[in-house]
Amino acid sequence: MNEEELEEDLKTTSAQVSATAERLDQLEVQKRSLPPADPRVIELSDQIERLAASLRRQTAIEGDLTREIRDAAAGEPA
């Protein structure tokens, strides 16, 4: 992958990270508005957990892409 492709992938991944974080925030706000005994709290918690795992994967990819871009800019092989 060339540097331009890496940068485009990084932009796309960054947008995904932002969208996932925004969705996590929305779900947390929704969960806080419910009484703790409400069964929807468990459903929301499960969704939040899955999104948080996805966010972790996305940020790891983001870090890998950033390192690849740095290496490409320095002329190092990927």
N, C-alpha and C. Protein backbone atom coordinates (compact mmCIF):
# COMPACT_ATOMS: atom_id res chain seq x y z
N MET A 1 0.84 -1.18 0.00
CA MET A 1 0.00 0.00 0.00
C MET A 1 0.89 1.24 0.00
N ASN A 2 0.54 2.20 -0.84
CA ASN A 2 1.34 3.42 -0.85
C ASN A 2 0.87 4.38 0.25
N GLU A 3 1.61 5.45 0.42
CA GLU A 3 1.34 6.38 1.51
C GLU A 3 -0.05 7.02 1.39
N GLU A 4 -0.46 7.36 0.16
CA GLU A 4 -1.78 7.97 -0.04
C GLU A 4 -2.90 7.00 0.36
N GLU A 5 -2.75 5.75 0.00
CA GLU A 5 -3.76 4.74 0.36
C GLU A 5 -3.80 4.56 1.88
N LEU A 6 -2.63 4.56 2.50
CA LEU A 6 -2.58 4.43 3.96
C LEU A 6 -3.28 5.60 4.62
N GLU A 7 -3.03 6.81 4.11
CA GLU A 7 -3.65 8.00 4.68
C GLU A 7 -5.17 7.97 4.51
N GLU A 8 -5.63 7.48 3.36
CA GLU A 8 -7.08 7.36 3.14
C GLU A 8 -7.68 6.33 4.10
N ASP A 9 -6.98 5.21 4.28
CA ASP A 9 -7.45 4.20 5.24
C ASP A 9 -7.49 4.78 6.66
N LEU A 10 -6.49 5.59 7.01
CA LEU A 10 -6.46 6.20 8.33
C LEU A 10 -7.63 7.15 8.51
N LYS A 11 -7.95 7.95 7.50
CA LYS A 11 -9.10 8.85 7.59
C LYS A 11 -10.40 8.08 7.78
N THR A 12 -10.53 7.00 7.01
CA THR A 12 -11.74 6.17 7.12
C THR A 12 -11.84 5.55 8.51
N THR A 13 -10.74 5.02 8.99
CA THR A 13 -10.72 4.39 10.31
C THR A 13 -11.00 5.42 11.39
N SER A 14 -10.44 6.60 11.26
CA SER A 14 -10.68 7.67 12.23
C SER A 14 -12.15 8.05 12.28
N ALA A 15 -12.79 8.11 11.11
CA ALA A 15 -14.23 8.41 11.06
C ALA A 15 -15.03 7.30 11.74
N GLN A 16 -14.60 6.05 11.56
CA GLN A 16 -15.28 4.94 12.22
C GLN A 16 -15.11 5.03 13.73
N VAL A 17 -13.93 5.38 14.19
CA VAL A 17 -13.68 5.53 15.62
C VAL A 17 -14.61 6.61 16.19
N SER A 18 -14.69 7.73 15.50
CA SER A 18 -15.55 8.82 15.98
C SER A 18 -17.01 8.40 16.02
N ALA A 19 -17.47 7.71 14.98
CA ALA A 19 -18.86 7.27 14.93
C ALA A 19 -19.16 6.26 16.03
N THR A 20 -18.24 5.34 16.26
CA THR A 20 -18.44 4.34 17.31
C THR A 20 -18.46 5.01 18.69
N ALA A 21 -17.54 5.94 18.92
CA ALA A 21 -17.51 6.65 20.20
C ALA A 21 -18.79 7.45 20.42
N GLU A 22 -19.28 8.06 19.36
CA GLU A 22 -20.53 8.83 19.47
C GLU A 22 -21.70 7.90 19.81
N ARG A 23 -21.75 6.75 19.16
CA ARG A 23 -22.82 5.78 19.44
C ARG A 23 -22.73 5.27 20.88
N LEU A 24 -21.49 5.02 21.33
CA LEU A 24 -21.30 4.59 22.73
C LEU A 24 -21.86 5.65 23.68
N ASP A 25 -21.56 6.89 23.41
CA ASP A 25 -22.05 7.97 24.26
C ASP A 25 -23.57 8.02 24.26
N GLN A 26 -24.18 7.87 23.09
CA GLN A 26 -25.64 7.89 23.00
C GLN A 26 -26.26 6.76 23.83
N LEU A 27 -25.66 5.58 23.73
CA LEU A 27 -26.19 4.44 24.49
C LEU A 27 -26.02 4.64 25.99
N GLU A 28 -24.88 5.22 26.39
CA GLU A 28 -24.66 5.49 27.82
C GLU A 28 -25.68 6.49 28.35
N VAL A 29 -25.96 7.52 27.59
CA VAL A 29 -26.95 8.51 28.00
C VAL A 29 -28.32 7.84 28.13
N GLN A 30 -28.65 7.01 27.17
CA GLN A 30 -29.93 6.29 27.21
C GLN A 30 -29.99 5.37 28.43
N LYS A 31 -28.90 4.66 28.69
CA LYS A 31 -28.86 3.73 29.83
C LYS A 31 -29.01 4.47 31.15
N ARG A 32 -28.36 5.62 31.28
CA ARG A 32 -28.44 6.39 32.53
C ARG A 32 -29.84 6.92 32.79
N SER A 33 -30.62 7.05 31.74
CA SER A 33 -31.97 7.59 31.91
C SER A 33 -32.96 6.54 32.42
N LEU A 34 -32.52 5.30 32.47
CA LEU A 34 -33.41 4.21 32.90
C LEU A 34 -33.17 3.84 34.36
N PRO A 35 -34.19 3.34 35.02
CA PRO A 35 -33.97 2.81 36.37
C PRO A 35 -33.07 1.58 36.29
N PRO A 36 -32.19 1.37 37.25
CA PRO A 36 -31.25 0.25 37.20
C PRO A 36 -31.91 -1.11 37.02
N ALA A 37 -33.12 -1.30 37.51
CA ALA A 37 -33.79 -2.60 37.41
C ALA A 37 -34.47 -2.82 36.06
N ASP A 38 -34.50 -1.80 35.23
CA ASP A 38 -35.13 -1.93 33.92
C ASP A 38 -34.37 -2.96 33.08
N PRO A 39 -35.06 -3.93 32.48
CA PRO A 39 -34.37 -4.97 31.70
C PRO A 39 -33.61 -4.41 30.49
N ARG A 40 -34.00 -3.23 30.04
CA ARG A 40 -33.28 -2.62 28.91
C ARG A 40 -31.87 -2.22 29.29
N VAL A 41 -31.61 -2.03 30.58
CA VAL A 41 -30.25 -1.67 31.02
C VAL A 41 -29.28 -2.79 30.64
N ILE A 42 -29.69 -4.03 30.83
CA ILE A 42 -28.82 -5.16 30.48
C ILE A 42 -28.59 -5.20 28.98
N GLU A 43 -29.65 -5.01 28.20
CA GLU A 43 -29.52 -5.00 26.74
C GLU A 43 -28.57 -3.89 26.29
N LEU A 44 -28.74 -2.71 26.86
CA LEU A 44 -27.87 -1.59 26.51
C LEU A 44 -26.43 -1.86 26.94
N SER A 45 -26.26 -2.44 28.12
CA SER A 45 -24.92 -2.77 28.60
C SER A 45 -24.23 -3.75 27.66
N ASP A 46 -24.98 -4.72 27.17
CA ASP A 46 -24.41 -5.68 26.21
C ASP A 46 -24.00 -4.98 24.91
N GLN A 47 -24.85 -4.09 24.43
CA GLN A 47 -24.52 -3.34 23.21
C GLN A 47 -23.28 -2.48 23.43
N ILE A 48 -23.22 -1.84 24.58
CA ILE A 48 -22.08 -0.98 24.91
C ILE A 48 -20.81 -1.79 24.97
N GLU A 49 -20.88 -2.96 25.56
CA GLU A 49 -19.70 -3.82 25.66
C GLU A 49 -19.20 -4.23 24.27
N ARG A 50 -20.13 -4.60 23.39
CA ARG A 50 -19.73 -4.98 22.03
C ARG A 50 -19.12 -3.80 21.28
N LEU A 51 -19.72 -2.63 21.43
CA LEU A 51 -19.18 -1.44 20.76
C LEU A 51 -17.82 -1.06 21.31
N ALA A 52 -17.64 -1.21 22.61
CA ALA A 52 -16.34 -0.89 23.22
C ALA A 52 -15.26 -1.83 22.68
N ALA A 53 -15.59 -3.09 22.50
CA ALA A 53 -14.62 -4.04 21.93
C ALA A 53 -14.30 -3.65 20.49
N SER A 54 -15.31 -3.25 19.76
CA SER A 54 -15.10 -2.80 18.38
C SER A 54 -14.22 -1.55 18.35
N LEU A 55 -14.48 -0.63 19.27
CA LEU A 55 -13.69 0.59 19.35
C LEU A 55 -12.23 0.27 19.64
N ARG A 56 -12.00 -0.68 20.48
CA ARG A 56 -10.62 -1.10 20.79
C ARG A 56 -9.92 -1.62 19.54
N ARG A 57 -10.62 -2.45 18.77
CA ARG A 57 -10.04 -2.97 17.53
C ARG A 57 -9.76 -1.84 16.54
N GLN A 58 -10.72 -0.91 16.43
CA GLN A 58 -10.56 0.21 15.51
C GLN A 58 -9.36 1.09 15.88
N THR A 59 -9.19 1.36 17.17
CA THR A 59 -8.07 2.20 17.58
C THR A 59 -6.74 1.48 17.41
N ALA A 60 -6.74 0.16 17.54
CA ALA A 60 -5.51 -0.60 17.27
C ALA A 60 -5.14 -0.50 15.79
N ILE A 61 -6.13 -0.62 14.92
CA ILE A 61 -5.89 -0.48 13.48
C ILE A 61 -5.39 0.92 13.18
N GLU A 62 -5.99 1.91 13.82
CA GLU A 62 -5.59 3.30 13.64
C GLU A 62 -4.12 3.49 14.01
N GLY A 63 -3.72 2.90 15.12
CA GLY A 63 -2.32 2.98 15.54
C GLY A 63 -1.39 2.30 14.55
N ASP A 64 -1.79 1.13 14.05
CA ASP A 64 -0.98 0.42 13.07
C ASP A 64 -0.82 1.24 11.79
N LEU A 65 -1.91 1.83 11.33
CA LEU A 65 -1.84 2.66 10.12
C LEU A 65 -0.94 3.86 10.32
N THR A 66 -1.03 4.49 11.47
CA THR A 66 -0.19 5.65 11.77
C THR A 66 1.29 5.26 11.73
N ARG A 67 1.62 4.12 12.31
CA ARG A 67 3.01 3.66 12.28
C ARG A 67 3.46 3.34 10.85
N GLU A 68 2.57 2.74 10.05
CA GLU A 68 2.92 2.45 8.66
C GLU A 68 3.16 3.73 7.87
N ILE A 69 2.34 4.75 8.11
CA ILE A 69 2.52 6.04 7.43
C ILE A 69 3.84 6.67 7.85
N ARG A 70 4.14 6.63 9.13
CA ARG A 70 5.42 7.16 9.62
C ARG A 70 6.58 6.45 8.97
N ASP A 71 6.52 5.12 8.91
CA ASP A 71 7.60 4.35 8.31
C ASP A 71 7.73 4.62 6.82
N ALA A 72 6.58 4.75 6.13
CA ALA A 72 6.60 5.04 4.70
C ALA A 72 7.22 6.41 4.44
N ALA A 73 6.89 7.38 5.29
CA ALA A 73 7.44 8.72 5.13
C ALA A 73 8.94 8.76 5.38
N ALA A 74 9.40 7.84 6.25
CA ALA A 74 10.83 7.77 6.56
C ALA A 74 11.57 6.87 5.57
N GLY A 75 10.82 6.27 4.64
CA GLY A 75 11.44 5.40 3.65
C GLY A 75 11.74 4.00 4.14
N GLU A 76 11.13 3.61 5.26
CA GLU A 76 11.33 2.27 5.80
C GLU A 76 10.32 1.33 5.21
N PRO A 77 10.69 0.07 5.01
CA PRO A 77 9.72 -0.91 4.48
C PRO A 77 8.65 -1.21 5.52
N ALA A 78 7.43 -1.45 5.02
CA ALA A 78 6.31 -1.73 5.93
C ALA A 78 6.42 -3.12 6.52
